Amino acid sequence: MPDLRKDPIVNRWVIIATERAHRPGGMRSDRDEPAPPGTVCPFCPGHEDKTPREVLAYRPQGPANGPGWTLRVVPNKFPALRVEGSLDRAGDGVYDRMQGIGAHEVIIETPHHGQQLAGLSEAEIEPVFWAYRDRILDLRRDNRFKYIMIFKNHGRAAGASLEHPHSQLIALPVVPKTVLEEMEGARAYFAFKERCVFCDIVRQELAERRRVVYENASFVVIEPYAPKFPFETWILPKHHDSSFEDVRRSEYAELANAMRVTLRKLNLALDDPPYNFMLHNQPLNEPESATYHWHIEIMPTLSTVAGFEWGSGFYINPTSPEEAAAFLREIKD
């Protein structure tokens, strides 16, 4: 059973999940090593027996847990957290721990092994966001879960252990420290100015346009003012929403458009870079917040986090967001 342990100095929770070392590429140092020839992909159609039973599938034809699907969601075979059991919170002197209870799922975005998310059509990308929504709505009924982190690792240098296009979901019994810090900063800004800081960012960026990469009716894509990494890119709703799963139905098509354009620009500009993206959402089962604003952050893996960054919390970024935005704007699909 995984273990959740709390650092008593900075109040950060860590998952100790020793079974994860046995997953494909679990302890590999060379993240660019290709899969051995003849390796069977468990995410390809016809190999449904190689994964746990699906918890969600969009399937125009065929039986459950068989071929015929366009998107599948399955429990991770090597989960960081497990659904079964109780939290069993306990103290050990200055230390706090609990059982590693949660959910860890894989969203298999397409049946086509060689097709990456950026290469899908908007009509094919939109169901990926619907799957995120459907799984959040289902999992938030479990009162053990406080936060759901949805993320994608593309490329081995960004942590992907399987090539077939997929993203992941982890439901947590605590709210991550990074999310708490972001929410506390947003609340402090609102207390001082009585406005959402994200809404103010959207207004200023659309007015100045120096860091805008792309926009459509519902979303704006920007290079943030103080990015940690080169070509860090955010997708933000133009109007205020704190919960991704509660937005208007029409916006998922607009989000698919924004994501496709953004990923294709990054691919063409940076030669298909490895990247991570993360959905930043408010914690589960909280009322609509006037201070928080959901968004997606995309981080191409172009630089290495080294001693100064780890030790100080400062990041050294060799590319200004204004230069990155201007470069990406010029990229035509």
Protein backbone atom coordinates (compact mmCIF):
# COMPACT_ATOMS: atom_id res chain seq x y z
CA MET A 1 0.00 0.00 0.00
CA PRO A 2 1.39 3.47 -0.89
CA ASP A 3 2.08 5.89 1.96
CA LEU A 4 1.41 9.65 2.22
CA ARG A 5 3.95 11.44 4.43
CA LYS A 6 3.99 15.10 5.41
CA ASP A 7 7.13 17.22 5.60
CA PRO A 8 6.73 19.01 8.97
CA ILE A 9 8.82 21.99 7.87
CA VAL A 10 7.07 23.13 4.67
CA ASN A 11 3.80 21.14 5.04
CA ARG A 12 4.30 19.33 1.73
CA TRP A 13 2.85 15.85 1.30
CA VAL A 14 4.95 13.17 -0.46
CA ILE A 15 3.68 9.88 -1.89
CA ILE A 16 5.89 6.88 -1.12
CA ALA A 17 4.85 4.36 -3.80
CA THR A 18 7.51 1.65 -4.07
CA GLU A 19 5.48 -0.40 -6.55
CA ARG A 20 5.86 2.39 -9.12
CA ALA A 21 9.51 1.38 -9.53
CA HIS A 22 8.33 -1.71 -11.39
CA ARG A 23 6.38 0.14 -14.09
CA PRO A 24 7.84 0.48 -17.63
CA GLY A 25 10.83 2.83 -17.40
CA GLY A 26 10.22 3.25 -13.68
CA MET A 27 13.83 3.77 -12.66
CA ARG A 28 15.41 4.42 -16.07
CA SER A 29 17.85 7.31 -16.19
CA ASP A 30 18.01 7.58 -20.00
CA ARG A 31 14.49 8.84 -20.70
CA ASP A 32 15.09 8.92 -24.49
CA GLU A 33 15.69 5.19 -24.79
CA PRO A 34 13.12 3.80 -27.29
CA ALA A 35 10.86 0.87 -26.49
CA PRO A 36 12.42 -2.48 -27.49
CA PRO A 37 11.32 -3.82 -30.91
CA GLY A 38 8.26 -6.03 -30.75
CA THR A 39 7.00 -4.50 -27.51
CA VAL A 40 3.23 -4.93 -27.18
CA CYS A 41 1.43 -1.66 -26.48
CA PRO A 42 -1.25 -2.25 -23.83
CA PHE A 43 -3.17 0.83 -24.98
CA CYS A 44 -3.70 -0.27 -28.60
CA PRO A 45 -7.04 -1.76 -29.75
CA GLY A 46 -7.10 -5.52 -29.41
CA HIS A 47 -4.94 -5.41 -26.27
CA GLU A 48 -7.70 -4.40 -23.85
CA ASP A 49 -6.89 -7.47 -21.75
CA LYS A 50 -3.47 -5.93 -21.00
CA THR A 51 -5.03 -3.12 -18.94
CA PRO A 52 -7.33 -3.10 -15.91
CA ARG A 53 -11.03 -2.98 -16.82
CA GLU A 54 -12.15 0.38 -18.18
CA VAL A 55 -13.98 2.87 -15.97
CA LEU A 56 -15.10 4.98 -18.95
CA ALA A 57 -15.12 4.49 -22.71
CA TYR A 58 -16.51 6.34 -25.70
CA ARG A 59 -17.38 3.48 -28.01
CA PRO A 60 -19.65 3.75 -31.08
CA GLN A 61 -19.56 -0.02 -31.44
CA GLY A 62 -18.24 -3.17 -29.82
CA PRO A 63 -18.49 -4.67 -26.32
CA ALA A 64 -17.12 -3.16 -23.12
CA ASN A 65 -13.40 -3.85 -22.61
CA GLY A 66 -13.05 -4.78 -26.26
CA PRO A 67 -12.14 -2.98 -29.52
CA GLY A 68 -14.35 -0.37 -31.19
CA TRP A 69 -13.60 2.52 -28.81
CA THR A 70 -12.46 6.02 -29.65
CA LEU A 71 -11.29 6.83 -26.08
CA ARG A 72 -10.81 4.69 -22.96
CA VAL A 73 -10.12 5.45 -19.30
CA VAL A 74 -8.59 2.65 -17.22
CA PRO A 75 -7.03 2.44 -13.75
CA ASN A 76 -3.25 2.78 -13.87
CA LYS A 77 -1.67 -0.67 -13.65
CA PHE A 78 1.07 0.78 -11.43
CA PRO A 79 -0.88 3.31 -9.34
CA ALA A 80 0.70 5.98 -7.18
CA LEU A 81 -2.37 5.71 -4.91
CA ARG A 82 -5.00 3.00 -4.41
CA VAL A 83 -8.78 3.33 -4.16
CA GLU A 84 -9.28 0.51 -1.66
CA GLY A 85 -9.05 1.16 2.06
CA SER A 86 -9.34 4.00 4.55
CA LEU A 87 -7.01 6.93 5.17
CA ASP A 88 -5.95 5.80 8.67
CA ARG A 89 -4.37 9.12 9.58
CA ALA A 90 -1.64 8.73 12.20
CA GLY A 91 1.07 10.71 13.95
CA ASP A 92 4.61 9.62 14.76
CA GLY A 93 6.17 12.33 16.91
CA VAL A 94 6.59 15.39 14.69
CA TYR A 95 5.59 13.39 11.60
CA ASP A 96 2.13 12.88 10.04
CA ARG A 97 1.19 10.12 7.66
CA MET A 98 -1.83 8.42 6.15
CA GLN A 99 -2.55 5.48 3.88
CA GLY A 100 -1.98 6.15 0.18
CA ILE A 101 -5.67 6.33 -0.70
CA GLY A 102 -6.70 7.88 -4.00
CA ALA A 103 -7.39 7.04 -7.62
CA HIS A 104 -4.87 6.87 -10.45
CA GLU A 105 -6.30 6.57 -13.96
CA VAL A 106 -5.04 6.70 -17.53
CA ILE A 107 -6.98 8.51 -20.27
CA ILE A 108 -6.11 6.77 -23.56
CA GLU A 109 -6.78 9.65 -25.92
CA THR A 110 -6.99 7.80 -29.23
CA PRO A 111 -6.85 4.22 -30.52
CA HIS A 112 -4.10 5.26 -32.97
CA HIS A 113 -0.67 4.48 -31.51
CA GLY A 114 1.38 6.80 -33.70
CA GLN A 115 -0.93 9.82 -33.51
CA GLN A 116 -0.08 12.43 -30.91
CA LEU A 117 -2.56 14.87 -29.37
CA ALA A 118 -1.27 17.73 -31.50
CA GLY A 119 -2.01 15.67 -34.62
CA LEU A 120 -5.63 15.00 -33.76
CA SER A 121 -8.48 17.09 -35.14
CA GLU A 122 -10.42 19.41 -32.86
CA ALA A 123 -13.34 16.95 -33.02
CA GLU A 124 -10.98 14.23 -31.74
CA ILE A 125 -9.43 16.39 -29.01
CA GLU A 126 -12.75 17.60 -27.59
CA PRO A 127 -13.73 14.14 -26.19
CA VAL A 128 -10.49 14.12 -24.18
CA PHE A 129 -11.76 17.13 -22.23
CA TRP A 130 -15.19 15.54 -21.88
CA ALA A 131 -13.49 12.48 -20.40
CA TYR A 132 -11.68 14.69 -17.88
CA ARG A 133 -15.04 16.22 -16.94
CA ASP A 134 -16.85 12.90 -16.68
CA ARG A 135 -14.19 11.40 -14.43
CA ILE A 136 -14.05 14.47 -12.16
CA LEU A 137 -17.83 14.40 -11.75
CA ASP A 138 -17.73 10.72 -10.86
CA LEU A 139 -14.75 10.82 -8.50
CA ARG A 140 -15.83 13.92 -6.61
CA ARG A 141 -18.68 11.86 -5.14
CA ASP A 142 -16.07 10.06 -3.01
CA ASN A 143 -15.67 12.25 0.07
CA ARG A 144 -12.17 10.88 0.71
CA PHE A 145 -10.90 12.87 -2.28
CA LYS A 146 -10.09 16.58 -1.95
CA TYR A 147 -8.36 17.33 -5.26
CA ILE A 148 -8.02 15.81 -8.73
CA MET A 149 -4.83 16.49 -10.66
CA ILE A 150 -5.05 15.91 -14.42
CA PHE A 151 -1.81 16.00 -16.36
CA LYS A 152 -0.08 14.81 -19.52
CA ASN A 153 3.53 13.74 -19.99
CA HIS A 154 4.55 13.79 -23.65
CA GLY A 155 7.94 12.31 -24.51
CA ARG A 156 10.31 10.33 -22.32
CA ALA A 157 12.24 13.42 -21.24
CA ALA A 158 8.94 14.70 -19.79
CA GLY A 159 8.29 11.46 -17.90
CA ALA A 160 6.20 9.42 -20.35
CA SER A 161 6.90 5.69 -20.03
CA LEU A 162 4.62 4.62 -22.92
CA GLU A 163 4.49 6.15 -26.39
CA HIS A 164 0.77 5.70 -27.04
CA PRO A 165 -0.91 9.12 -26.51
CA HIS A 166 -2.45 9.32 -23.06
CA SER A 167 -2.91 11.60 -20.10
CA GLN A 168 -3.41 10.79 -16.44
CA LEU A 169 -5.61 11.60 -13.48
CA ILE A 170 -4.74 11.29 -9.79
CA ALA A 171 -7.42 11.89 -7.14
CA LEU A 172 -5.80 12.95 -3.86
CA PRO A 173 -6.97 12.97 -0.24
CA VAL A 174 -5.23 16.34 0.26
CA VAL A 175 -4.91 19.54 -1.76
CA PRO A 176 -1.35 19.83 -3.18
CA LYS A 177 0.86 22.54 -1.68
CA THR A 178 1.40 24.19 -5.07
CA VAL A 179 -2.36 24.52 -5.57
CA LEU A 180 -2.83 25.90 -2.04
CA GLU A 181 -0.15 28.53 -2.65
CA GLU A 182 -1.77 29.55 -5.94
CA MET A 183 -5.21 29.79 -4.31
CA GLU A 184 -3.87 31.73 -1.32
CA GLY A 185 -2.16 34.21 -3.64
CA ALA A 186 -5.40 34.64 -5.60
CA ARG A 187 -7.39 35.17 -2.37
CA ALA A 188 -4.90 37.77 -1.13
CA TYR A 189 -5.12 39.67 -4.44
CA PHE A 190 -8.93 39.57 -4.29
CA ALA A 191 -8.94 40.79 -0.68
CA PHE A 192 -6.83 43.80 -1.69
CA LYS A 193 -8.42 44.68 -5.06
CA GLU A 194 -11.80 42.89 -5.01
CA ARG A 195 -11.02 41.37 -8.41
CA CYS A 196 -9.85 37.97 -9.62
CA VAL A 197 -6.13 38.13 -10.43
CA PHE A 198 -6.58 35.73 -13.36
CA CYS A 199 -9.34 37.88 -14.84
CA ASP A 200 -7.06 40.91 -14.50
CA ILE A 201 -4.27 39.01 -16.26
CA VAL A 202 -6.62 38.10 -19.11
CA ARG A 203 -7.79 41.71 -19.47
CA GLN A 204 -4.27 43.16 -19.42
CA GLU A 205 -2.79 40.58 -21.78
CA LEU A 206 -5.62 41.05 -24.30
CA ALA A 207 -5.17 44.81 -24.09
CA GLU A 208 -1.37 44.81 -24.45
CA ARG A 209 -1.09 41.72 -26.71
CA ARG A 210 2.69 41.45 -26.16
CA ARG A 211 2.44 37.96 -24.66
CA VAL A 212 -0.70 36.69 -26.43
CA VAL A 213 -0.08 33.66 -28.65
CA TYR A 214 -3.64 32.88 -29.75
CA GLU A 215 -7.26 33.54 -28.82
CA ASN A 216 -10.71 32.39 -29.79
CA ALA A 217 -14.17 33.30 -28.51
CA SER A 218 -13.72 31.62 -25.12
CA PHE A 219 -9.97 31.24 -24.45
CA VAL A 220 -6.73 33.14 -24.61
CA VAL A 221 -3.30 31.51 -24.89
CA ILE A 222 -0.43 33.47 -23.36
CA GLU A 223 3.19 33.27 -22.37
CA PRO A 224 2.93 34.22 -18.64
CA TYR A 225 4.70 37.36 -17.45
CA ALA A 226 7.09 35.49 -15.10
CA PRO A 227 7.56 32.01 -16.61
CA LYS A 228 9.68 29.41 -14.86
CA PHE A 229 10.72 27.74 -18.12
CA PRO A 230 11.25 28.75 -21.77
CA PHE A 231 8.00 28.73 -23.76
CA GLU A 232 5.86 28.01 -20.70
CA THR A 233 2.34 28.56 -22.05
CA TRP A 234 -1.03 29.04 -20.34
CA ILE A 235 -4.55 28.56 -21.69
CA LEU A 236 -7.08 30.62 -19.72
CA PRO A 237 -10.86 31.02 -20.03
CA LYS A 238 -11.76 34.58 -20.98
CA HIS A 239 -14.69 34.69 -18.58
CA HIS A 240 -14.49 33.70 -14.94
CA ASP A 241 -14.91 30.03 -13.96
CA SER A 242 -13.30 28.34 -10.99
CA SER A 243 -14.21 24.73 -11.90
CA PHE A 244 -13.26 23.10 -15.19
CA GLU A 245 -16.06 20.54 -14.89
CA ASP A 246 -18.77 23.19 -14.55
CA VAL A 247 -18.06 25.32 -17.62
CA ARG A 248 -20.54 25.76 -20.47
CA ARG A 249 -20.79 22.77 -22.80
CA SER A 250 -19.90 24.82 -25.87
CA GLU A 251 -16.56 25.77 -24.34
CA TYR A 252 -15.06 22.29 -24.66
CA ALA A 253 -15.01 22.67 -28.45
CA GLU A 254 -13.32 26.07 -28.06
CA LEU A 255 -10.82 24.56 -25.62
CA ALA A 256 -10.05 21.78 -28.12
CA ASN A 257 -9.34 24.46 -30.73
CA ALA A 258 -7.05 26.40 -28.37
CA MET A 259 -5.16 23.25 -27.33
CA ARG A 260 -4.69 22.02 -30.90
CA VAL A 261 -3.41 25.37 -32.16
CA THR A 262 -1.09 25.77 -29.16
CA LEU A 263 0.44 22.29 -29.37
CA ARG A 264 0.93 22.54 -33.12
CA LYS A 265 2.66 25.90 -32.74
CA LEU A 266 4.96 24.48 -30.06
CA ASN A 267 5.67 21.41 -32.19
CA LEU A 268 6.55 23.45 -35.27
CA ALA A 269 8.56 26.04 -33.34
CA LEU A 270 10.49 23.61 -31.14
CA ASP A 271 10.63 20.43 -33.26
CA ASP A 272 8.12 18.31 -31.32
CA PRO A 273 9.47 18.97 -27.83
CA PRO A 274 8.71 16.78 -24.83
CA TYR A 275 6.25 18.61 -22.59
CA ASN A 276 3.96 18.37 -19.60
CA PHE A 277 0.59 19.98 -19.21
CA MET A 278 -1.42 20.30 -16.03
CA LEU A 279 -5.02 21.27 -15.41
CA HIS A 280 -5.16 23.74 -12.51
CA ASN A 281 -8.62 23.45 -10.97
CA GLN A 282 -10.23 24.37 -7.67
CA PRO A 283 -10.53 21.64 -5.00
CA LEU A 284 -13.46 19.26 -5.13
CA ASN A 285 -16.93 20.06 -3.81
CA GLU A 286 -16.19 23.70 -3.09
CA PRO A 287 -18.69 26.40 -4.12
CA GLU A 288 -17.99 28.60 -7.11
CA SER A 289 -15.07 30.83 -6.16
CA ALA A 290 -14.81 34.50 -7.04
CA THR A 291 -11.05 34.42 -6.42
CA TYR A 292 -9.85 31.37 -8.39
CA HIS A 293 -9.86 30.75 -12.15
CA TRP A 294 -9.14 27.34 -13.68
CA HIS A 295 -6.54 27.12 -16.43
CA ILE A 296 -4.09 24.80 -18.19
CA GLU A 297 -0.31 25.21 -17.98
CA ILE A 298 1.95 23.68 -20.67
CA MET A 299 5.66 23.24 -19.90
CA PRO A 300 7.98 22.21 -22.75
CA THR A 301 11.03 20.32 -21.43
CA LEU A 302 13.75 22.58 -22.80
CA SER A 303 15.93 23.25 -19.75
CA THR A 304 17.21 21.36 -16.73
CA VAL A 305 16.33 22.15 -13.14
CA ALA A 306 19.69 22.18 -11.35
CA GLY A 307 21.17 22.99 -7.96
CA PHE A 308 20.35 26.71 -7.87
CA GLU A 309 16.70 26.13 -8.74
CA TRP A 310 16.28 23.23 -6.28
CA GLY A 311 18.05 25.10 -3.50
CA SER A 312 16.51 28.55 -3.93
CA GLY A 313 13.12 28.11 -5.56
CA PHE A 314 14.26 30.67 -8.18
CA TYR A 315 14.21 29.73 -11.84
CA ILE A 316 16.59 30.99 -14.51
CA ASN A 317 14.78 31.33 -17.84
CA PRO A 318 16.91 32.24 -20.89
CA THR A 319 13.90 33.19 -23.06
CA SER A 320 11.66 36.16 -22.34
CA PRO A 321 7.90 35.55 -22.64
CA GLU A 322 7.60 38.47 -25.05
CA GLU A 323 10.13 36.87 -27.42
CA ALA A 324 8.49 33.45 -27.07
CA ALA A 325 5.03 34.85 -27.79
CA ALA A 326 6.20 36.79 -30.84
CA PHE A 327 7.92 33.68 -32.18
CA LEU A 328 4.86 31.45 -31.63
CA ARG A 329 2.48 34.01 -33.18
CA GLU A 330 4.47 33.82 -36.42
CA ILE A 331 4.11 30.04 -36.62
CA LYS A 332 1.38 29.18 -39.12
CA ASP A 333 -0.36 25.81 -39.03
